[in-house]
Amino acid sequence: MQRVVEAVLPARMGTPFRWLVGSSWVSNLGDGIALAAGPLLVAGQTQDPLLVALGALLQRLPWLLFGLHAGVLADRVDRRRLVIAVDIARVGVLVVLGTALFAGDVGIVVVLAALFVLGAAEVFADTAHGTLLPMVVPRADLGVGNARLMAGVLTMNELAGPALGAVLFAAGTAWPFVTQAVLLALGALLVSRMRLPVRERPAERSHVGRDIAEGLRWTWGNAAVRTLTLTIVSFNVTYGAAWSVLVLYADQQLGLGPVGFGLLTSAVAVGGIAGTASYDWLERHASLANLMRVGLVIETLTHLAFALATAAWVAMVTMVVFGAHAFVWSTTSRTVRMRAVPMDLQGRVGSLYAMGVFGGILLGQLIGGLIARVWGVSGPFWFGFVGSAVILAFIWSQLGHIAHAGDDLVESARV
């Protein structure tokens, strides 16, 4: 057992890192439960498609509304205390919602409002949480640290959480939210055990707008991080466009029913597990630049494979490979960004990065729906292939520079 713990959570990375990973995994399990229980609760209150879609939107919209402000707050205050305070606030909202559900006194307006508040709180919690790793882990171990955190997102948030959420919802509409409250409280307790280095903050706080502008200027002024952020936005536009019609594509082009569609989406997680198991080896045997190049080539060819595929097994294999890439790319890109960004800007630059992810997907989903209306369900995948290929051609020569961004911070720290 000790060997397993050492392999997953190396002692050299310190006790605070272990508390951080434990907190992240527990919280991600709670958030994964909500991924299934939230839509089920909305659908149980109304069959209006617009309101059902609004429920999903209200959980993601806060990133676009509050993302920059969350970054400013994470850079201004004690980040550990911010995570604890926000998680406790989320627990309070969930307790109120669960109590109302037990009493049977809840309507669609209350449900939508609760989902929006929880989504807004999650923005602040995730932004602050994402700044803790570079505070407790040496620069050389950021890749391994991010891999462990992303493993929690994959296994807890995307695999175990939604399945558990659906089972709990079937047992009673309140149980998923009560369970999430308990898990978030436990996550806050684990974070409270962390001991962080003292971080100097300005004695006088500037205006929020100026702090936001500083983060934007730094991101735009740093060529590597600027290109990485624009890459994230653009590739998520092509990804969002293609994946927006995946359920229709599975039915019309592959002939898959509901079970087949479920297996197709689960194949991503299978690939992700493979990526999780191999990341340490990959980081030792390949440069970050090559990991990024190969990953973006895989994503580009994934769109082409789906555009051409007519057999379900081809799509399944493609999805497994894409899942492995998605995990490795997410881990690598987060590591590159954390290495490049000064500690006092981690919150603002990280929140801008996250807004690019969600904003790109939302824009892509709109584009994908419009393309599919005109050219059919394979159209968005052709758009994804051509768009990704063009973007990749433009940034190919820059990926080496991006991978080494932040080396100047190390050199300046040695002087």
Protein backbone atom coordinates (compact mmCIF):
# COMPACT_ATOMS: atom_id res chain seq x y z
CA MET A 1 0.00 0.00 0.00
CA GLN A 2 2.84 2.36 0.87
CA ARG A 3 4.38 1.74 -2.56
CA VAL A 4 1.12 2.64 -4.27
CA VAL A 5 0.83 5.87 -2.29
CA GLU A 6 4.45 6.73 -3.09
CA ALA A 7 3.90 6.08 -6.81
CA VAL A 8 0.76 8.19 -6.97
CA LEU A 9 1.74 10.89 -4.47
CA PRO A 10 5.56 10.97 -4.24
CA ALA A 11 6.89 12.01 -0.83
CA ARG A 12 9.37 14.40 -2.49
CA MET A 13 6.41 16.61 -3.51
CA GLY A 14 5.50 17.21 0.12
CA THR A 15 2.56 16.79 2.46
CA PRO A 16 0.73 19.95 1.27
CA PHE A 17 0.60 18.42 -2.21
CA ARG A 18 -1.05 15.30 -0.84
CA TRP A 19 -3.67 17.37 0.98
CA LEU A 20 -4.28 19.33 -2.25
CA VAL A 21 -4.77 16.19 -4.34
CA GLY A 22 -7.10 14.68 -1.75
CA SER A 23 -9.18 17.84 -1.65
CA SER A 24 -9.30 18.04 -5.44
CA TRP A 25 -10.39 14.43 -5.88
CA VAL A 26 -13.10 14.67 -3.24
CA SER A 27 -14.45 17.98 -4.60
CA ASN A 28 -14.40 16.67 -8.16
CA LEU A 29 -16.49 13.69 -7.09
CA GLY A 30 -19.06 16.12 -5.70
CA ASP A 31 -19.01 18.23 -8.85
CA GLY A 32 -19.36 15.09 -10.96
CA ILE A 33 -22.46 14.10 -9.00
CA ALA A 34 -23.93 17.50 -9.83
CA LEU A 35 -23.19 17.04 -13.54
CA ALA A 36 -25.84 14.34 -13.66
CA ALA A 37 -28.14 15.45 -10.84
CA GLY A 38 -28.48 19.07 -11.99
CA PRO A 39 -29.96 18.35 -15.44
CA LEU A 40 -32.09 15.53 -13.98
CA LEU A 41 -33.51 17.92 -11.39
CA VAL A 42 -34.33 20.53 -14.04
CA ALA A 43 -35.95 17.92 -16.28
CA GLY A 44 -37.97 16.69 -13.30
CA GLN A 45 -39.34 20.21 -12.81
CA THR A 46 -40.15 21.04 -16.43
CA GLN A 47 -40.27 19.47 -19.89
CA ASP A 48 -39.76 22.82 -21.59
CA PRO A 49 -36.64 22.36 -23.80
CA LEU A 50 -35.74 26.03 -23.41
CA LEU A 51 -35.70 25.81 -19.61
CA VAL A 52 -33.75 22.55 -19.71
CA ALA A 53 -31.14 24.17 -21.96
CA LEU A 54 -31.15 27.24 -19.70
CA GLY A 55 -30.26 25.03 -16.74
CA ALA A 56 -27.14 23.80 -18.54
CA LEU A 57 -26.25 27.33 -19.63
CA LEU A 58 -26.58 28.77 -16.12
CA GLN A 59 -23.95 26.35 -14.84
CA ARG A 60 -21.37 27.52 -17.45
CA LEU A 61 -22.32 31.16 -17.93
CA PRO A 62 -20.69 32.29 -14.63
CA TRP A 63 -17.26 31.61 -16.13
CA LEU A 64 -17.87 34.32 -18.70
CA LEU A 65 -19.46 36.68 -16.16
CA PHE A 66 -17.15 36.27 -13.16
CA GLY A 67 -13.99 34.56 -14.43
CA LEU A 68 -11.83 37.70 -14.51
CA HIS A 69 -13.07 38.87 -11.11
CA ALA A 70 -12.34 35.43 -9.65
CA GLY A 71 -8.77 35.71 -10.93
CA VAL A 72 -8.32 39.13 -9.32
CA LEU A 73 -9.62 37.86 -5.98
CA ALA A 74 -7.35 34.80 -6.08
CA ASP A 75 -4.34 37.06 -6.62
CA ARG A 76 -5.37 39.48 -3.84
CA VAL A 77 -6.25 37.28 -0.89
CA ASP A 78 -5.08 34.13 0.88
CA ARG A 79 -5.88 31.50 -1.77
CA ARG A 80 -6.29 28.63 0.66
CA ARG A 81 -8.79 30.58 2.74
CA LEU A 82 -10.66 31.62 -0.40
CA VAL A 83 -11.13 27.98 -1.43
CA ILE A 84 -12.37 27.10 2.06
CA ALA A 85 -14.77 30.08 2.25
CA VAL A 86 -16.29 29.45 -1.18
CA ASP A 87 -16.70 25.72 -0.57
CA ILE A 88 -18.45 26.41 2.74
CA ALA A 89 -20.76 28.83 0.93
CA ARG A 90 -21.52 26.13 -1.65
CA VAL A 91 -22.29 23.71 1.18
CA GLY A 92 -24.77 26.23 2.58
CA VAL A 93 -26.58 26.58 -0.76
CA LEU A 94 -26.72 22.80 -1.20
CA VAL A 95 -28.10 22.30 2.31
CA VAL A 96 -30.87 24.81 1.62
CA LEU A 97 -31.64 23.18 -1.74
CA GLY A 98 -31.60 19.69 -0.25
CA THR A 99 -33.89 20.73 2.61
CA ALA A 100 -36.34 22.27 0.16
CA LEU A 101 -36.30 19.09 -1.93
CA PHE A 102 -36.92 16.89 1.11
CA ALA A 103 -39.87 19.14 1.99
CA GLY A 104 -41.14 19.05 -1.59
CA ASP A 105 -41.29 22.85 -1.66
CA VAL A 106 -39.21 23.78 -4.70
CA GLY A 107 -40.03 25.12 -8.17
CA ILE A 108 -38.11 25.55 -11.40
CA VAL A 109 -37.16 29.17 -10.58
CA VAL A 110 -35.55 28.09 -7.30
CA VAL A 111 -33.72 25.25 -9.03
CA LEU A 112 -32.36 27.49 -11.79
CA ALA A 113 -31.32 30.13 -9.28
CA ALA A 114 -29.51 27.53 -7.16
CA LEU A 115 -27.68 26.15 -10.19
CA PHE A 116 -26.53 29.64 -11.16
CA VAL A 117 -25.29 30.45 -7.65
CA LEU A 118 -23.47 27.12 -7.42
CA GLY A 119 -21.94 27.69 -10.85
CA ALA A 120 -20.75 31.17 -9.83
CA ALA A 121 -19.23 29.83 -6.60
CA GLU A 122 -17.49 27.06 -8.53
CA VAL A 123 -15.77 29.68 -10.69
CA PHE A 124 -14.16 31.28 -7.63
CA ALA A 125 -13.33 27.92 -6.02
CA ASP A 126 -11.76 26.41 -9.15
CA THR A 127 -9.79 29.57 -9.95
CA ALA A 128 -8.28 29.74 -6.48
CA HIS A 129 -7.72 25.97 -6.37
CA GLY A 130 -5.81 26.15 -9.64
CA THR A 131 -3.27 28.56 -8.14
CA LEU A 132 -2.29 26.34 -5.20
CA LEU A 133 -0.21 23.74 -7.04
CA PRO A 134 2.66 26.05 -8.12
CA MET A 135 2.80 27.35 -4.53
CA VAL A 136 3.63 23.93 -3.05
CA VAL A 137 5.34 21.98 -5.86
CA PRO A 138 8.76 22.66 -7.45
CA ARG A 139 8.71 23.77 -11.07
CA ALA A 140 10.21 20.45 -12.23
CA ASP A 141 7.33 18.49 -10.65
CA LEU A 142 4.45 20.59 -12.02
CA GLY A 143 3.81 18.07 -14.80
CA VAL A 144 3.44 15.18 -12.36
CA GLY A 145 1.34 17.35 -10.04
CA ASN A 146 -1.02 18.40 -12.81
CA ALA A 147 -1.28 14.80 -13.98
CA ARG A 148 -2.48 13.72 -10.53
CA LEU A 149 -5.01 16.55 -10.35
CA MET A 150 -6.28 15.83 -13.88
CA ALA A 151 -6.60 12.14 -12.96
CA GLY A 152 -9.08 13.22 -10.31
CA VAL A 153 -11.04 15.26 -12.84
CA LEU A 154 -11.19 12.25 -15.16
CA THR A 155 -12.02 9.49 -12.68
CA MET A 156 -14.11 11.43 -10.17
CA ASN A 157 -15.72 14.22 -12.19
CA GLU A 158 -16.27 12.49 -15.51
CA LEU A 159 -16.54 8.78 -14.68
CA ALA A 160 -17.64 7.99 -11.12
CA GLY A 161 -19.42 11.25 -10.27
CA PRO A 162 -22.15 11.34 -12.94
CA ALA A 163 -22.94 7.65 -12.49
CA LEU A 164 -23.19 8.06 -8.71
CA GLY A 165 -25.27 11.21 -9.17
CA ALA A 166 -27.80 9.38 -11.32
CA VAL A 167 -28.06 6.51 -8.81
CA LEU A 168 -28.52 8.91 -5.89
CA PHE A 169 -31.14 10.90 -7.82
CA ALA A 170 -33.09 7.70 -8.43
CA ALA A 171 -33.03 7.08 -4.66
CA GLY A 172 -34.39 10.57 -3.95
CA THR A 173 -34.03 13.97 -5.60
CA ALA A 174 -32.34 15.52 -2.56
CA TRP A 175 -29.68 12.87 -1.99
CA PRO A 176 -27.21 13.91 -4.73
CA PHE A 177 -27.09 17.46 -3.39
CA VAL A 178 -26.74 16.37 0.23
CA THR A 179 -23.90 14.05 -0.81
CA GLN A 180 -22.22 16.84 -2.75
CA ALA A 181 -22.46 19.09 0.30
CA VAL A 182 -20.71 16.48 2.46
CA LEU A 183 -17.95 16.00 -0.14
CA LEU A 184 -17.36 19.75 -0.51
CA ALA A 185 -17.15 20.12 3.26
CA LEU A 186 -14.57 17.32 3.35
CA GLY A 187 -12.66 18.99 0.51
CA ALA A 188 -12.57 22.26 2.44
CA LEU A 189 -11.30 20.39 5.53
CA LEU A 190 -8.48 18.81 3.53
CA VAL A 191 -7.42 22.16 2.04
CA SER A 192 -7.40 23.66 5.54
CA ARG A 193 -4.62 21.19 6.46
CA MET A 194 -2.29 22.64 3.82
CA ARG A 195 0.54 24.92 4.88
CA LEU A 196 1.47 27.40 2.19
CA PRO A 197 4.51 29.68 1.90
CA VAL A 198 3.86 33.29 2.87
CA ARG A 199 3.03 35.34 -0.21
CA GLU A 200 3.68 39.07 -0.18
CA ARG A 201 0.77 41.17 -1.40
CA PRO A 202 0.64 44.93 -2.06
CA ALA A 203 -0.24 46.99 1.01
CA GLU A 204 -2.62 49.11 -1.06
CA ARG A 205 -5.14 47.38 -3.26
CA SER A 206 -5.72 48.84 -6.68
CA HIS A 207 -9.05 49.04 -8.48
CA VAL A 208 -10.48 45.73 -9.72
CA GLY A 209 -10.54 47.07 -13.28
CA ARG A 210 -6.84 47.91 -13.12
CA ASP A 211 -6.02 44.46 -11.76
CA ILE A 212 -7.98 42.84 -14.59
CA ALA A 213 -6.25 45.08 -17.12
CA GLU A 214 -2.87 44.11 -15.68
CA GLY A 215 -3.65 40.43 -16.19
CA LEU A 216 -4.82 41.05 -19.74
CA ARG A 217 -1.75 43.16 -20.57
CA TRP A 218 0.62 40.57 -19.16
CA THR A 219 -1.06 37.75 -21.09
CA TRP A 220 -1.03 39.72 -24.36
CA GLY A 221 2.50 40.96 -23.78
CA ASN A 222 3.96 37.50 -23.15
CA ALA A 223 4.24 35.99 -26.64
CA ALA A 224 4.27 32.36 -25.46
CA VAL A 225 1.28 32.60 -23.12
CA ARG A 226 -0.61 34.75 -25.63
CA THR A 227 -0.15 32.12 -28.34
CA LEU A 228 -1.05 29.32 -25.93
CA THR A 229 -4.25 31.12 -24.89
CA LEU A 230 -5.25 31.85 -28.49
CA THR A 231 -4.55 28.21 -29.33
CA ILE A 232 -6.84 27.09 -26.52
CA VAL A 233 -9.63 29.40 -27.72
CA SER A 234 -9.38 28.45 -31.39
CA PHE A 235 -9.04 24.70 -30.86
CA ASN A 236 -12.02 24.76 -28.51
CA VAL A 237 -14.06 26.50 -31.22
CA THR A 238 -13.33 23.64 -33.61
CA TYR A 239 -13.87 21.07 -30.85
CA GLY A 240 -17.14 22.66 -29.74
CA ALA A 241 -18.41 22.78 -33.32
CA ALA A 242 -17.75 19.10 -33.94
CA TRP A 243 -18.94 17.78 -30.58
CA SER A 244 -22.12 19.89 -30.65
CA VAL A 245 -23.78 17.37 -32.99
CA LEU A 246 -22.12 14.20 -31.67
CA VAL A 247 -25.42 12.66 -30.56
CA LEU A 248 -26.94 13.25 -34.01
CA TYR A 249 -23.78 12.04 -35.73
CA ALA A 250 -23.83 8.80 -33.72
CA ASP A 251 -27.43 8.16 -34.77
CA GLN A 252 -27.44 9.30 -38.39
CA GLN A 253 -23.91 8.44 -39.59
CA LEU A 254 -22.98 5.50 -37.36
CA GLY A 255 -26.43 4.03 -36.72
CA LEU A 256 -25.90 3.90 -32.95
CA GLY A 257 -28.79 3.91 -30.51
CA PRO A 258 -28.76 5.40 -27.00
CA VAL A 259 -26.58 2.59 -25.58
CA GLY A 260 -24.13 2.91 -28.45
CA PHE A 261 -23.90 6.66 -27.96
CA GLY A 262 -23.20 6.11 -24.29
CA LEU A 263 -20.37 3.71 -25.15
CA LEU A 264 -18.99 6.20 -27.65
CA THR A 265 -18.77 8.96 -25.05
CA SER A 266 -17.37 6.57 -22.45
CA ALA A 267 -14.54 5.67 -24.83
CA VAL A 268 -13.05 9.10 -24.11
CA ALA A 269 -12.63 8.13 -20.48
CA VAL A 270 -10.99 4.84 -21.45
CA GLY A 271 -8.42 6.77 -23.44
CA GLY A 272 -8.04 9.24 -20.61
CA ILE A 273 -7.16 6.44 -18.20
CA ALA A 274 -4.47 5.30 -20.62
CA GLY A 275 -3.16 8.85 -20.75
CA THR A 276 -3.20 9.02 -16.96
CA ALA A 277 -1.17 5.84 -16.62
CA SER A 278 1.41 6.87 -19.21
CA TYR A 279 1.96 10.57 -18.47
CA ASP A 280 4.94 10.17 -16.13
CA TRP A 281 6.69 8.01 -18.74
CA LEU A 282 5.83 10.41 -21.55
CA GLU A 283 7.20 13.39 -19.65
CA ARG A 284 10.49 11.55 -19.04
CA HIS A 285 10.91 10.47 -22.67
CA ALA A 286 9.48 13.36 -24.70
CA SER A 287 9.83 17.12 -24.59
CA LEU A 288 6.81 19.24 -23.71
CA ALA A 289 6.99 20.78 -27.18
CA ASN A 290 6.71 17.38 -28.85
CA LEU A 291 3.88 16.35 -26.54
CA MET A 292 2.02 19.47 -27.61
CA ARG A 293 2.75 18.98 -31.32
CA VAL A 294 1.72 15.32 -31.37
CA GLY A 295 -1.38 16.08 -29.34
CA LEU A 296 -2.63 18.79 -31.68
CA VAL A 297 -1.94 16.56 -34.70
CA ILE A 298 -4.05 13.83 -33.05
CA GLU A 299 -6.88 16.29 -32.40
CA THR A 300 -6.79 17.50 -36.01
CA LEU A 301 -6.86 13.95 -37.38
CA THR A 302 -9.65 13.03 -34.95
CA HIS A 303 -11.97 15.46 -36.76
CA LEU A 304 -10.98 13.94 -40.11
CA ALA A 305 -11.54 10.40 -38.88
CA PHE A 306 -15.04 11.26 -37.65
CA ALA A 307 -15.87 13.09 -40.88
CA LEU A 308 -14.99 9.98 -42.90
CA ALA A 309 -16.09 7.20 -40.52
CA THR A 310 -19.15 5.11 -41.28
CA ALA A 311 -18.35 2.16 -39.00
CA ALA A 312 -18.98 2.40 -35.28
CA TRP A 313 -15.75 0.57 -34.35
CA VAL A 314 -13.66 3.15 -36.19
CA ALA A 315 -15.34 5.94 -34.23
CA MET A 316 -14.83 4.04 -30.95
CA VAL A 317 -11.10 3.57 -31.55
CA THR A 318 -10.77 7.19 -32.60
CA MET A 319 -12.51 8.31 -29.42
CA VAL A 320 -10.16 6.25 -27.23
CA VAL A 321 -7.13 7.84 -28.89
CA PHE A 322 -8.70 11.29 -28.58
CA GLY A 323 -9.36 10.69 -24.87
CA ALA A 324 -5.70 9.87 -24.24
CA HIS A 325 -4.68 13.03 -26.12
CA ALA A 326 -7.19 15.20 -24.27
CA PHE A 327 -5.76 14.18 -20.90
CA VAL A 328 -2.12 14.58 -21.95
CA TRP A 329 -2.79 17.92 -23.65
CA SER A 330 -4.70 19.34 -20.69
CA THR A 331 -1.97 18.31 -18.28
CA THR A 332 0.82 19.63 -20.50
CA SER A 333 -0.80 22.96 -21.33
CA ARG A 334 -1.61 23.64 -17.65
CA THR A 335 1.98 22.81 -16.73
CA VAL A 336 3.42 25.11 -19.40
CA ARG A 337 1.16 27.95 -18.29
CA MET A 338 1.94 27.53 -14.59
CA ARG A 339 5.67 27.53 -15.30
CA ALA A 340 5.45 30.69 -17.37
CA VAL A 341 3.22 32.88 -15.19
CA PRO A 342 4.56 34.82 -12.16
CA MET A 343 3.03 33.69 -8.87
CA ASP A 344 1.14 36.95 -8.28
CA LEU A 345 -0.61 36.66 -11.68
CA GLN A 346 -1.54 32.97 -11.55
CA GLY A 347 -5.18 33.71 -10.68
CA ARG A 348 -5.82 36.32 -13.36
CA VAL A 349 -4.00 34.55 -16.19
CA GLY A 350 -5.51 31.19 -15.18
CA SER A 351 -9.04 32.59 -15.14
CA LEU A 352 -8.53 34.19 -18.56
CA TYR A 353 -7.33 30.82 -19.82
CA ALA A 354 -10.43 29.08 -18.42
CA MET A 355 -12.70 31.70 -19.98
CA GLY A 356 -11.05 30.96 -23.30
CA VAL A 357 -11.88 27.28 -22.87
CA PHE A 358 -15.57 27.82 -22.12
CA GLY A 359 -16.00 30.76 -24.49
CA GLY A 360 -14.44 28.82 -27.36
CA ILE A 361 -16.68 25.81 -26.75
CA LEU A 362 -19.85 27.93 -26.58
CA LEU A 363 -18.97 29.74 -29.82
CA GLY A 364 -18.08 26.46 -31.47
CA GLN A 365 -21.39 24.88 -30.47
CA LEU A 366 -23.26 27.70 -32.16
CA ILE A 367 -21.15 27.41 -35.31
CA GLY A 368 -21.50 23.62 -35.35
CA GLY A 369 -25.28 23.76 -35.17
CA LEU A 370 -25.46 26.20 -38.07
CA ILE A 371 -23.06 24.16 -40.22
CA ALA A 372 -24.93 20.90 -39.52
CA ARG A 373 -28.19 22.51 -40.65
CA VAL A 374 -26.70 23.23 -44.07
CA TRP A 375 -24.16 20.44 -44.70
CA GLY A 376 -25.38 17.65 -42.43
CA VAL A 377 -23.91 16.04 -39.31
CA SER A 378 -20.49 15.42 -40.84
CA GLY A 379 -20.11 19.12 -41.74
CA PRO A 380 -18.94 20.28 -38.29
CA PHE A 381 -16.22 17.61 -38.30
CA TRP A 382 -14.93 18.82 -41.66
CA PHE A 383 -14.94 22.33 -40.21
CA GLY A 384 -13.03 21.04 -37.19
CA PHE A 385 -10.45 19.30 -39.38
CA VAL A 386 -9.79 22.21 -41.73
CA GLY A 387 -9.85 24.80 -38.94
CA SER A 388 -7.51 22.82 -36.69
CA ALA A 389 -5.10 22.10 -39.56
CA VAL A 390 -4.87 25.80 -40.47
CA ILE A 391 -4.34 26.86 -36.84
CA LEU A 392 -1.73 24.15 -36.29
CA ALA A 393 0.20 25.26 -39.39
CA PHE A 394 0.34 28.81 -38.03
CA ILE A 395 1.55 27.89 -34.53
CA TRP A 396 3.75 24.86 -35.29
CA SER A 397 7.03 26.74 -35.14
CA GLN A 398 5.96 28.55 -31.96
CA LEU A 399 5.26 25.44 -29.90
CA GLY A 400 8.92 24.99 -28.94
CA HIS A 401 9.05 28.54 -27.61
CA ILE A 402 5.76 28.06 -25.75
CA ALA A 403 7.04 24.88 -24.07
CA HIS A 404 10.04 26.75 -22.67
CA ALA A 405 8.09 29.80 -21.52
CA GLY A 406 9.02 30.74 -17.98
CA ASP A 407 12.64 29.63 -18.19
CA ASP A 408 13.54 33.30 -17.74
CA LEU A 409 11.70 33.27 -14.39
CA VAL A 410 13.94 30.46 -13.19
CA GLU A 411 17.08 32.25 -14.36
CA SER A 412 16.07 35.52 -12.72
CA ALA A 413 15.34 33.67 -9.46
CA ARG A 414 18.89 32.28 -9.47
CA VAL A 415 20.51 35.70 -9.85
